[in-house]
N, C-alpha and C. Protein backbone atom coordinates (compact mmCIF):
# COMPACT_ATOMS: atom_id res chain seq x y z
N MET A 1 19.49 2.21 -13.26
CA MET A 1 19.60 2.96 -12.47
C MET A 1 20.46 2.62 -10.56
N LYS A 2 20.91 2.68 -10.50
CA LYS A 2 22.02 2.94 -9.23
C LYS A 2 20.99 3.41 -8.13
N ILE A 3 21.20 3.06 -6.70
CA ILE A 3 20.87 3.38 -6.09
C ILE A 3 21.93 2.92 -5.35
N ASN A 4 22.68 4.40 -3.68
CA ASN A 4 23.68 3.25 -3.02
C ASN A 4 22.93 3.39 -1.34
N VAL A 5 22.77 2.49 -0.51
CA VAL A 5 21.12 2.85 0.10
C VAL A 5 22.71 2.83 1.14
N PRO A 6 22.59 3.95 1.44
CA PRO A 6 23.35 4.24 3.35
C PRO A 6 23.45 3.71 4.48
N LEU A 7 24.11 2.97 4.58
CA LEU A 7 24.64 2.35 6.39
C LEU A 7 23.81 2.12 7.14
N ASN A 8 23.71 3.68 7.20
CA ASN A 8 22.77 3.85 8.42
C ASN A 8 21.63 3.94 8.21
N VAL A 9 21.42 2.79 6.84
CA VAL A 9 19.49 2.39 7.21
C VAL A 9 19.49 0.81 6.48
N VAL A 10 20.38 0.61 6.05
CA VAL A 10 20.16 -1.44 6.17
C VAL A 10 20.04 -2.01 6.86
N ASP A 11 19.70 -1.62 7.45
CA ASP A 11 18.61 -2.68 8.98
C ASP A 11 16.84 -2.35 7.65
N HIS A 12 16.59 -1.18 7.93
CA HIS A 12 15.16 -0.72 7.32
C HIS A 12 14.77 -1.96 5.88
N PHE A 13 16.32 -1.14 4.60
CA PHE A 13 15.96 -1.54 4.00
C PHE A 13 15.93 -2.97 3.53
N TRP A 14 16.03 -3.92 4.97
CA TRP A 14 15.00 -5.53 4.20
C TRP A 14 14.19 -6.72 5.60
N GLU A 15 13.77 -5.42 5.96
CA GLU A 15 12.46 -5.15 6.48
C GLU A 15 11.39 -4.93 5.37
N GLN A 16 10.28 -6.82 6.26
CA GLN A 16 9.32 -6.57 5.28
C GLN A 16 8.59 -5.76 5.24
N GLU A 17 8.01 -5.93 3.73
CA GLU A 17 6.60 -4.16 4.05
C GLU A 17 5.58 -5.18 4.43
N PRO A 18 5.03 -3.51 5.58
CA PRO A 18 3.03 -4.03 5.62
C PRO A 18 2.01 -4.41 4.90
N PRO A 19 1.90 -5.54 5.24
CA PRO A 19 0.12 -5.73 4.55
C PRO A 19 0.19 -5.97 3.48
N GLY A 20 -0.49 -5.93 2.54
CA GLY A 20 -1.16 -5.09 1.18
C GLY A 20 0.00 -4.51 0.94
N THR A 21 1.12 -4.33 0.88
CA THR A 21 1.99 -2.20 0.79
C THR A 21 2.41 -2.94 -1.15
N THR A 22 2.24 -2.85 -2.01
CA THR A 22 2.21 -3.89 -2.87
C THR A 22 3.46 -2.54 -3.65
N HIS A 23 4.49 -1.28 -3.32
CA HIS A 23 4.79 -0.60 -3.83
C HIS A 23 5.33 0.36 -2.77
N GLU A 24 6.70 0.36 -3.25
CA GLU A 24 7.84 0.77 -2.19
C GLU A 24 8.68 2.00 -3.35
N PHE A 25 9.04 3.09 -2.68
CA PHE A 25 9.45 4.21 -2.57
C PHE A 25 11.11 4.23 -2.28
N TRP A 26 11.30 4.72 -3.39
CA TRP A 26 13.14 5.80 -3.06
C TRP A 26 13.01 7.66 -3.40
N ALA A 27 13.50 8.38 -2.43
CA ALA A 27 13.00 9.41 -2.13
C ALA A 27 13.70 10.20 -2.56
N PHE A 28 14.43 11.23 -3.53
CA PHE A 28 15.79 11.99 -4.21
C PHE A 28 15.42 13.95 -4.17
N ARG A 29 16.18 14.92 -3.56
CA ARG A 29 16.26 16.02 -3.57
C ARG A 29 16.07 16.59 -4.88
N PHE A 30 16.54 15.86 -6.13
CA PHE A 30 16.45 16.33 -7.56
C PHE A 30 15.97 14.98 -8.02
N PRO A 31 15.15 15.64 -9.90
CA PRO A 31 14.94 14.56 -10.49
C PRO A 31 16.05 13.67 -11.14
N VAL A 32 15.88 13.04 -11.10
CA VAL A 32 16.95 11.18 -11.70
C VAL A 32 16.14 10.92 -13.16
N LYS A 33 16.84 10.27 -13.41
CA LYS A 33 16.42 10.39 -15.38
C LYS A 33 16.28 8.70 -15.35
N ALA A 34 15.93 8.01 -14.37
CA ALA A 34 15.17 6.54 -14.87
C ALA A 34 13.56 7.17 -14.63
N LYS A 35 13.18 6.55 -15.05
CA LYS A 35 11.95 5.77 -16.66
C LYS A 35 11.01 4.23 -16.37
N GLU A 36 9.70 4.08 -16.22
CA GLU A 36 9.28 3.22 -16.30
C GLU A 36 9.54 2.02 -17.26
N GLY A 37 10.40 0.75 -16.38
CA GLY A 37 10.56 0.12 -16.94
C GLY A 37 12.52 -0.09 -16.17
N ASP A 38 12.62 0.63 -16.26
CA ASP A 38 14.36 0.39 -15.77
C ASP A 38 14.76 -0.81 -14.83
N THR A 39 15.83 -1.29 -14.97
CA THR A 39 15.67 -2.00 -13.73
C THR A 39 16.62 -0.94 -12.25
N ILE A 40 16.46 -1.29 -10.92
CA ILE A 40 16.72 -0.45 -9.94
C ILE A 40 17.84 -1.91 -9.36
N HIS A 41 19.32 -0.54 -9.73
CA HIS A 41 20.62 -1.96 -9.19
C HIS A 41 20.36 -1.23 -7.42
N PHE A 42 20.24 -1.62 -6.34
CA PHE A 42 20.77 -1.26 -4.99
C PHE A 42 21.65 -1.02 -4.74
N MET A 43 23.01 -0.92 -3.95
CA MET A 43 23.64 -0.78 -3.81
C MET A 43 23.69 -0.58 -2.04
N ILE A 44 25.29 -1.29 -1.66
CA ILE A 44 25.58 -1.18 -0.59
C ILE A 44 26.50 -1.95 -0.37
N GLU A 45 27.76 -1.05 0.51
CA GLU A 45 29.34 -0.87 0.31
C GLU A 45 29.93 -1.21 -1.26
N GLY A 46 29.62 -0.61 -3.00
CA GLY A 46 29.83 -1.30 -4.30
C GLY A 46 29.35 -1.79 -4.27
N GLU A 47 28.17 -3.06 -3.46
CA GLU A 47 28.40 -4.23 -3.87
C GLU A 47 26.29 -4.52 -4.40
N GLU A 48 26.12 -5.02 -5.55
CA GLU A 48 24.64 -4.76 -5.23
C GLU A 48 24.34 -6.43 -5.50
N VAL A 49 22.81 -5.74 -4.03
CA VAL A 49 22.59 -6.45 -3.29
C VAL A 49 21.14 -6.93 -3.22
N ALA A 50 20.40 -5.81 -4.27
CA ALA A 50 18.62 -6.21 -4.25
C ALA A 50 18.50 -5.24 -6.04
N GLN A 51 17.73 -6.26 -6.99
CA GLN A 51 17.43 -4.93 -7.56
C GLN A 51 15.46 -5.11 -7.92
N ALA A 52 15.40 -3.93 -8.67
CA ALA A 52 13.74 -3.93 -8.98
C ALA A 52 13.31 -3.09 -10.23
N ILE A 53 11.99 -2.96 -10.59
CA ILE A 53 11.86 -2.38 -11.95
C ILE A 53 10.89 -0.93 -11.48
N VAL A 54 11.41 -0.13 -11.62
CA VAL A 54 11.07 1.28 -11.50
C VAL A 54 9.70 0.98 -12.76
N ASP A 55 8.02 0.95 -11.74
CA ASP A 55 7.31 1.77 -12.00
C ASP A 55 5.90 2.40 -12.57
N LYS A 56 7.04 3.32 -11.64
CA LYS A 56 6.32 5.38 -12.19
C LYS A 56 7.51 6.09 -11.21
N VAL A 57 7.77 7.44 -11.94
CA VAL A 57 8.61 8.42 -11.55
C VAL A 57 7.82 9.77 -10.48
N GLU A 58 7.89 9.82 -10.35
CA GLU A 58 6.77 10.25 -9.12
C GLU A 58 7.37 11.85 -8.78
N SER A 59 7.10 13.44 -9.53
CA SER A 59 7.29 14.13 -9.46
C SER A 59 6.72 15.32 -7.68
N PRO A 60 7.83 16.34 -7.58
CA PRO A 60 7.74 16.53 -5.75
C PRO A 60 6.13 16.92 -5.93
N GLY A 61 5.44 17.24 -4.57
CA GLY A 61 4.55 17.37 -4.13
C GLY A 61 3.61 16.58 -4.17
N LEU A 62 3.28 15.21 -4.29
CA LEU A 62 2.07 14.61 -5.31
C LEU A 62 1.92 13.69 -4.07
N SER A 63 2.96 12.37 -3.67
CA SER A 63 2.91 11.73 -2.46
C SER A 63 4.00 12.33 -1.12
N GLN A 64 3.70 10.89 -0.21
CA GLN A 64 4.55 11.10 1.18
C GLN A 64 4.41 9.82 1.85
N CYS A 65 5.34 9.36 2.24
CA CYS A 65 5.26 7.92 3.33
C CYS A 65 4.48 8.01 4.21
N ASP A 66 3.20 6.94 3.35
CA ASP A 66 1.93 6.91 4.42
C ASP A 66 2.22 6.44 5.94
N THR A 67 3.97 6.00 6.04
CA THR A 67 4.11 5.36 7.64
C THR A 67 4.48 6.48 8.41
N THR A 68 5.81 7.77 7.34
CA THR A 68 5.86 8.98 7.99
C THR A 68 5.38 10.49 7.88
N GLY A 69 4.78 10.37 6.88
CA GLY A 69 4.24 11.70 6.08
C GLY A 69 5.99 12.21 5.30
N LEU A 70 6.92 11.62 5.90
CA LEU A 70 7.76 12.70 4.44
C LEU A 70 7.98 12.59 3.38
N TYR A 71 9.24 13.20 3.34
CA TYR A 71 9.38 12.57 1.45
C TYR A 71 8.54 13.89 0.40
N LYS A 72 7.63 14.20 0.81
CA LYS A 72 5.89 14.63 0.12
C LYS A 72 6.84 15.72 -1.68
N ASN A 73 8.07 16.48 -0.70
CA ASN A 73 8.54 18.08 -1.01
C ASN A 73 9.80 16.58 -2.45
N ARG A 74 10.54 15.41 -2.30
CA ARG A 74 10.80 14.80 -2.99
C ARG A 74 11.03 14.29 -4.03
N TRP A 75 11.70 14.08 -5.50
CA TRP A 75 11.71 12.73 -6.56
C TRP A 75 11.16 11.86 -5.88
N LYS A 76 10.33 11.28 -6.35
CA LYS A 76 9.70 9.39 -5.84
C LYS A 76 10.08 7.91 -6.50
N VAL A 77 10.88 7.60 -7.17
CA VAL A 77 11.14 6.29 -7.67
C VAL A 77 10.66 5.23 -7.27
N PHE A 78 9.68 4.84 -8.13
CA PHE A 78 8.58 3.37 -7.48
C PHE A 78 8.92 2.20 -8.27
N TRP A 79 9.03 0.87 -7.49
CA TRP A 79 9.52 0.12 -8.01
C TRP A 79 7.52 -0.94 -7.43
N ASP A 80 7.16 -1.94 -8.16
CA ASP A 80 6.12 -2.98 -7.47
C ASP A 80 7.12 -4.35 -6.88
N CYS A 81 6.35 -4.72 -5.63
CA CYS A 81 6.83 -4.69 -4.40
C CYS A 81 7.00 -6.47 -5.48
N THR A 82 7.24 -6.82 -6.74
CA THR A 82 7.27 -8.74 -7.06
C THR A 82 8.60 -8.40 -7.13
N THR A 83 9.03 -6.86 -8.15
CA THR A 83 9.69 -7.10 -9.30
C THR A 83 11.29 -7.61 -8.11
N PHE A 84 11.26 -7.04 -6.90
CA PHE A 84 11.98 -7.11 -6.29
C PHE A 84 12.65 -8.55 -5.22
N LYS A 85 14.52 -7.85 -6.39
CA LYS A 85 14.46 -9.33 -6.14
C LYS A 85 16.27 -9.15 -4.55
N ASP A 86 15.79 -9.89 -4.48
CA ASP A 86 16.99 -10.21 -2.44
C ASP A 86 18.28 -10.73 -4.03
N LEU A 87 19.26 -10.24 -4.67
CA LEU A 87 20.61 -10.82 -4.55
C LEU A 87 21.76 -11.41 -3.56
N ARG A 88 21.26 -10.93 -2.05
CA ARG A 88 22.57 -11.61 -1.42
C ARG A 88 22.33 -13.13 -1.48
N PRO A 89 24.23 -12.82 -0.71
CA PRO A 89 24.51 -14.09 -0.86
C PRO A 89 23.48 -15.16 -0.24
N LYS A 90 22.69 -16.59 0.04
CA LYS A 90 22.18 -17.43 1.00
C LYS A 90 22.22 -16.87 1.88
N HIS A 91 24.25 -17.24 2.72
CA HIS A 91 24.02 -17.77 4.04
C HIS A 91 24.12 -16.23 4.18
N ARG A 92 23.92 -14.94 3.88
CA ARG A 92 24.54 -13.97 4.67
C ARG A 92 23.59 -13.18 5.10
N HIS A 93 22.27 -14.13 5.21
CA HIS A 93 20.64 -13.36 6.10
C HIS A 93 19.96 -14.58 6.04
N ASN A 94 19.10 -14.53 6.65
CA ASN A 94 18.11 -15.60 7.06
C ASN A 94 17.03 -15.41 5.99
């Protein structure tokens, strides 16, 4: 599965998760074809910058973002934070 990270959220994408966070998700308006165990390829301007493994896919109405309360009515693809791999070249990030 490819997820294109919009330029307006790139800085937030690289922020560290709050302590104790074990999962992150990306929300979609429409059903996704991803399934547990699939690799997520995070893309920025056509370049793969990160990967993670799908932990679960959730239908709308089951959960929302703990921080903002948003995305309750969206499909969500969750990944375990321990599977997240930063693929940016070392010289490009802090």
